[in-house]
């Protein structure tokens, strides 16, 4: 999985549409190999981002868990600590 794509499920506060779109953009960039598509590929590239974002949002809304929601700040601090070590 792309390192820039973060887990979005079961957080407090819940994930935003912007976060879903950012992860979708990273996913499409990774599988297409384009950081920024050419003018010729821009329309299908952006359509793919929109589709991935829509599917991802539906998935996140449909998932269930009994686990307590994760705290965003605590998880971000853990990630920063791992980045310093690794």
N, C-alpha and C. Protein backbone atom coordinates (compact mmCIF):
# COMPACT_ATOMS: atom_id res chain seq x y z
N UNK A 1 0.84 -1.18 0.00
CA UNK A 1 0.00 0.00 0.00
C UNK A 1 0.89 1.24 0.00
N UNK A 2 0.40 2.27 -0.59
CA UNK A 2 1.12 3.54 -0.65
C UNK A 2 1.28 4.10 0.77
N UNK A 3 2.47 4.51 1.11
CA UNK A 3 2.73 5.02 2.45
C UNK A 3 1.91 6.25 2.79
N UNK A 4 1.53 7.03 1.79
CA UNK A 4 0.79 8.27 2.04
C UNK A 4 -0.70 8.04 2.26
N UNK A 5 -1.17 6.84 2.01
CA UNK A 5 -2.58 6.56 2.23
C UNK A 5 -2.73 6.05 3.65
N UNK A 6 -3.49 6.77 4.45
CA UNK A 6 -3.66 6.46 5.86
C UNK A 6 -5.00 5.79 6.10
N UNK A 7 -5.08 5.02 7.18
CA UNK A 7 -6.34 4.43 7.59
C UNK A 7 -7.33 5.55 7.91
N UNK A 8 -8.56 5.42 7.42
CA UNK A 8 -9.56 6.45 7.61
C UNK A 8 -10.75 5.98 8.44
N UNK A 9 -10.79 4.71 8.78
CA UNK A 9 -11.94 4.15 9.49
C UNK A 9 -11.77 4.25 11.00
N UNK A 10 -12.87 4.54 11.66
CA UNK A 10 -13.01 4.50 13.11
C UNK A 10 -12.15 5.55 13.82
N UNK A 11 -12.31 6.79 13.40
CA UNK A 11 -11.62 7.89 14.07
C UNK A 11 -12.63 8.86 14.67
N UNK A 12 -12.19 9.54 15.69
CA UNK A 12 -12.99 10.58 16.31
C UNK A 12 -12.16 11.86 16.27
N UNK A 13 -12.56 12.90 15.58
CA UNK A 13 -13.78 13.00 14.78
C UNK A 13 -13.69 12.17 13.51
N UNK A 14 -14.87 11.85 12.94
CA UNK A 14 -14.90 11.01 11.73
C UNK A 14 -14.16 11.64 10.55
N UNK A 15 -13.84 10.81 9.61
CA UNK A 15 -13.14 11.22 8.40
C UNK A 15 -13.98 12.25 7.64
N UNK A 16 -13.29 13.14 6.95
CA UNK A 16 -13.97 14.16 6.14
C UNK A 16 -13.91 13.76 4.67
N UNK A 17 -14.75 14.39 3.88
CA UNK A 17 -14.72 14.17 2.43
C UNK A 17 -13.39 14.56 1.82
N UNK A 18 -12.77 15.60 2.37
CA UNK A 18 -11.45 16.03 1.87
C UNK A 18 -10.40 14.97 2.11
N UNK A 19 -10.45 14.31 3.27
CA UNK A 19 -9.48 13.25 3.58
C UNK A 19 -9.68 12.05 2.67
N UNK A 20 -10.94 11.72 2.40
CA UNK A 20 -11.23 10.60 1.50
C UNK A 20 -10.72 10.94 0.10
N UNK A 21 -10.97 12.14 -0.35
CA UNK A 21 -10.50 12.55 -1.69
C UNK A 21 -8.98 12.54 -1.76
N UNK A 22 -8.30 13.01 -0.73
CA UNK A 22 -6.83 13.03 -0.73
C UNK A 22 -6.28 11.60 -0.82
N UNK A 23 -6.87 10.68 -0.08
CA UNK A 23 -6.42 9.29 -0.14
C UNK A 23 -6.72 8.70 -1.52
N UNK A 24 -7.86 9.05 -2.09
CA UNK A 24 -8.23 8.56 -3.41
C UNK A 24 -7.27 9.09 -4.47
N UNK A 25 -6.89 10.34 -4.36
CA UNK A 25 -5.93 10.94 -5.28
C UNK A 25 -4.59 10.21 -5.19
N UNK A 26 -4.13 9.91 -3.99
CA UNK A 26 -2.88 9.19 -3.81
C UNK A 26 -2.96 7.79 -4.43
N UNK A 27 -4.10 7.13 -4.24
CA UNK A 27 -4.29 5.80 -4.81
C UNK A 27 -4.22 5.83 -6.33
N UNK A 28 -4.94 6.76 -6.94
CA UNK A 28 -4.96 6.86 -8.41
C UNK A 28 -3.59 7.25 -8.93
N UNK A 29 -2.91 8.13 -8.23
CA UNK A 29 -1.54 8.48 -8.63
C UNK A 29 -0.65 7.25 -8.61
N UNK A 30 -0.77 6.45 -7.56
CA UNK A 30 0.07 5.27 -7.41
C UNK A 30 -0.19 4.26 -8.53
N UNK A 31 -1.45 3.95 -8.79
CA UNK A 31 -1.71 2.90 -9.78
C UNK A 31 -1.54 3.39 -11.22
N UNK A 32 -1.69 4.69 -11.45
CA UNK A 32 -1.52 5.21 -12.81
C UNK A 32 -0.06 5.54 -13.12
N UNK A 33 0.71 5.83 -12.08
CA UNK A 33 2.09 6.25 -12.29
C UNK A 33 2.21 7.72 -12.60
N UNK A 34 1.11 8.47 -12.53
CA UNK A 34 1.12 9.90 -12.81
C UNK A 34 1.02 10.69 -11.52
N UNK A 35 1.91 11.64 -11.32
CA UNK A 35 1.73 12.59 -10.24
C UNK A 35 0.74 13.64 -10.69
N UNK A 36 0.93 14.09 -11.92
CA UNK A 36 0.01 15.04 -12.55
C UNK A 36 -0.17 14.54 -13.98
N UNK A 37 -1.40 14.16 -14.33
CA UNK A 37 -1.61 13.62 -15.67
C UNK A 37 -1.49 14.69 -16.75
N UNK A 38 -1.22 14.23 -17.97
CA UNK A 38 -1.19 15.15 -19.11
C UNK A 38 -2.61 15.65 -19.37
N UNK A 39 -2.71 16.68 -20.19
CA UNK A 39 -4.04 17.20 -20.55
C UNK A 39 -4.90 16.10 -21.16
N UNK A 40 -4.30 15.22 -21.95
CA UNK A 40 -5.03 14.12 -22.58
C UNK A 40 -5.62 13.18 -21.55
N UNK A 41 -4.89 12.94 -20.46
CA UNK A 41 -5.33 11.98 -19.45
C UNK A 41 -6.01 12.61 -18.24
N UNK A 42 -6.11 13.92 -18.22
CA UNK A 42 -6.64 14.61 -17.04
C UNK A 42 -8.09 14.24 -16.73
N UNK A 43 -8.95 14.19 -17.73
CA UNK A 43 -10.37 13.88 -17.50
C UNK A 43 -10.55 12.47 -16.94
N UNK A 44 -9.98 11.44 -17.56
CA UNK A 44 -10.15 10.10 -16.98
C UNK A 44 -9.47 9.95 -15.62
N UNK A 45 -8.35 10.63 -15.42
CA UNK A 45 -7.65 10.59 -14.14
C UNK A 45 -8.54 11.16 -13.03
N UNK A 46 -9.10 12.35 -13.26
CA UNK A 46 -9.95 12.98 -12.25
C UNK A 46 -11.26 12.21 -12.05
N UNK A 47 -11.77 11.61 -13.11
CA UNK A 47 -12.97 10.77 -12.98
C UNK A 47 -12.68 9.56 -12.10
N UNK A 48 -11.49 8.99 -12.26
CA UNK A 48 -11.10 7.85 -11.42
C UNK A 48 -10.99 8.27 -9.96
N UNK A 49 -10.43 9.44 -9.71
CA UNK A 49 -10.33 9.94 -8.33
C UNK A 49 -11.72 10.08 -7.74
N UNK A 50 -12.65 10.65 -8.49
CA UNK A 50 -14.02 10.82 -8.01
C UNK A 50 -14.69 9.48 -7.72
N UNK A 51 -14.49 8.51 -8.61
CA UNK A 51 -15.09 7.19 -8.41
C UNK A 51 -14.51 6.48 -7.20
N UNK A 52 -13.19 6.52 -7.05
CA UNK A 52 -12.54 5.89 -5.91
C UNK A 52 -13.01 6.56 -4.61
N UNK A 53 -13.14 7.87 -4.62
CA UNK A 53 -13.60 8.59 -3.43
C UNK A 53 -15.04 8.19 -3.08
N UNK A 54 -15.90 8.07 -4.08
CA UNK A 54 -17.29 7.70 -3.82
C UNK A 54 -17.38 6.29 -3.25
N UNK A 55 -16.65 5.36 -3.84
CA UNK A 55 -16.66 3.98 -3.34
C UNK A 55 -16.08 3.92 -1.93
N UNK A 56 -15.02 4.66 -1.70
CA UNK A 56 -14.38 4.68 -0.38
C UNK A 56 -15.33 5.24 0.68
N UNK A 57 -16.02 6.31 0.35
CA UNK A 57 -16.98 6.90 1.29
C UNK A 57 -18.09 5.91 1.62
N UNK A 58 -18.61 5.20 0.61
CA UNK A 58 -19.65 4.20 0.87
C UNK A 58 -19.11 3.09 1.76
N UNK A 59 -17.90 2.65 1.48
CA UNK A 59 -17.29 1.60 2.29
C UNK A 59 -17.16 2.05 3.74
N UNK A 60 -16.61 3.23 3.96
CA UNK A 60 -16.40 3.71 5.32
C UNK A 60 -17.73 3.88 6.08
N UNK A 61 -18.77 4.31 5.38
CA UNK A 61 -20.09 4.45 6.02
C UNK A 61 -20.69 3.09 6.38
N UNK A 62 -20.36 2.06 5.63
CA UNK A 62 -20.98 0.75 5.85
C UNK A 62 -20.24 -0.12 6.87
N UNK A 63 -18.99 0.21 7.17
CA UNK A 63 -18.21 -0.60 8.10
C UNK A 63 -18.70 -0.42 9.53
N UNK A 64 -18.59 -1.49 10.30
CA UNK A 64 -18.99 -1.47 11.70
C UNK A 64 -17.87 -2.03 12.55
N UNK A 65 -17.80 -1.55 13.78
CA UNK A 65 -16.81 -2.07 14.72
C UNK A 65 -17.31 -1.87 16.14
N UNK A 66 -16.83 -2.71 17.04
CA UNK A 66 -17.12 -2.54 18.46
C UNK A 66 -15.99 -1.80 19.16
N UNK A 67 -14.90 -1.57 18.45
CA UNK A 67 -13.75 -0.88 19.03
C UNK A 67 -14.06 0.59 19.25
N UNK A 68 -13.43 1.14 20.25
CA UNK A 68 -13.55 2.57 20.51
C UNK A 68 -12.90 3.34 19.36
N UNK A 69 -13.46 4.48 18.98
CA UNK A 69 -12.82 5.29 17.93
C UNK A 69 -11.42 5.72 18.36
N UNK A 70 -10.52 5.75 17.38
CA UNK A 70 -9.15 6.19 17.63
C UNK A 70 -9.09 7.71 17.66
N UNK A 71 -8.26 8.22 18.52
CA UNK A 71 -8.05 9.66 18.63
C UNK A 71 -7.08 10.09 17.55
N UNK A 72 -7.47 11.04 16.74
CA UNK A 72 -6.62 11.49 15.63
C UNK A 72 -5.26 12.01 16.09
N UNK A 73 -5.28 12.83 17.12
CA UNK A 73 -4.03 13.43 17.58
C UNK A 73 -3.08 12.37 18.14
N UNK A 74 -3.62 11.43 18.90
CA UNK A 74 -2.78 10.37 19.46
C UNK A 74 -2.19 9.50 18.36
N UNK A 75 -2.98 9.18 17.35
CA UNK A 75 -2.49 8.37 16.23
C UNK A 75 -1.43 9.13 15.42
N UNK A 76 -1.64 10.42 15.24
CA UNK A 76 -0.66 11.24 14.51
C UNK A 76 0.66 11.31 15.28
N UNK A 77 0.57 11.41 16.60
CA UNK A 77 1.79 11.45 17.42
C UNK A 77 2.54 10.12 17.32
N UNK A 78 1.81 9.01 17.32
CA UNK A 78 2.45 7.69 17.16
C UNK A 78 3.15 7.59 15.81
N UNK A 79 2.50 8.08 14.77
CA UNK A 79 3.08 8.03 13.42
C UNK A 79 4.35 8.89 13.35
N UNK A 80 4.32 10.06 13.98
CA UNK A 80 5.51 10.91 13.99
C UNK A 80 6.66 10.22 14.74
N UNK A 81 6.34 9.55 15.83
CA UNK A 81 7.37 8.84 16.61
C UNK A 81 7.96 7.70 15.78
N UNK A 82 7.12 6.98 15.06
CA UNK A 82 7.62 5.88 14.20
C UNK A 82 8.51 6.43 13.10
N UNK A 83 8.14 7.58 12.55
CA UNK A 83 8.93 8.19 11.46
C UNK A 83 10.31 8.62 11.96
N UNK A 84 10.37 9.09 13.18
CA UNK A 84 11.67 9.50 13.75
C UNK A 84 12.58 8.30 13.97
N UNK A 85 11.99 7.19 14.39
CA UNK A 85 12.78 5.98 14.66
C UNK A 85 13.23 5.32 13.36
N UNK A 86 12.31 5.23 12.39
CA UNK A 86 12.58 4.50 11.16
C UNK A 86 13.21 5.33 10.14
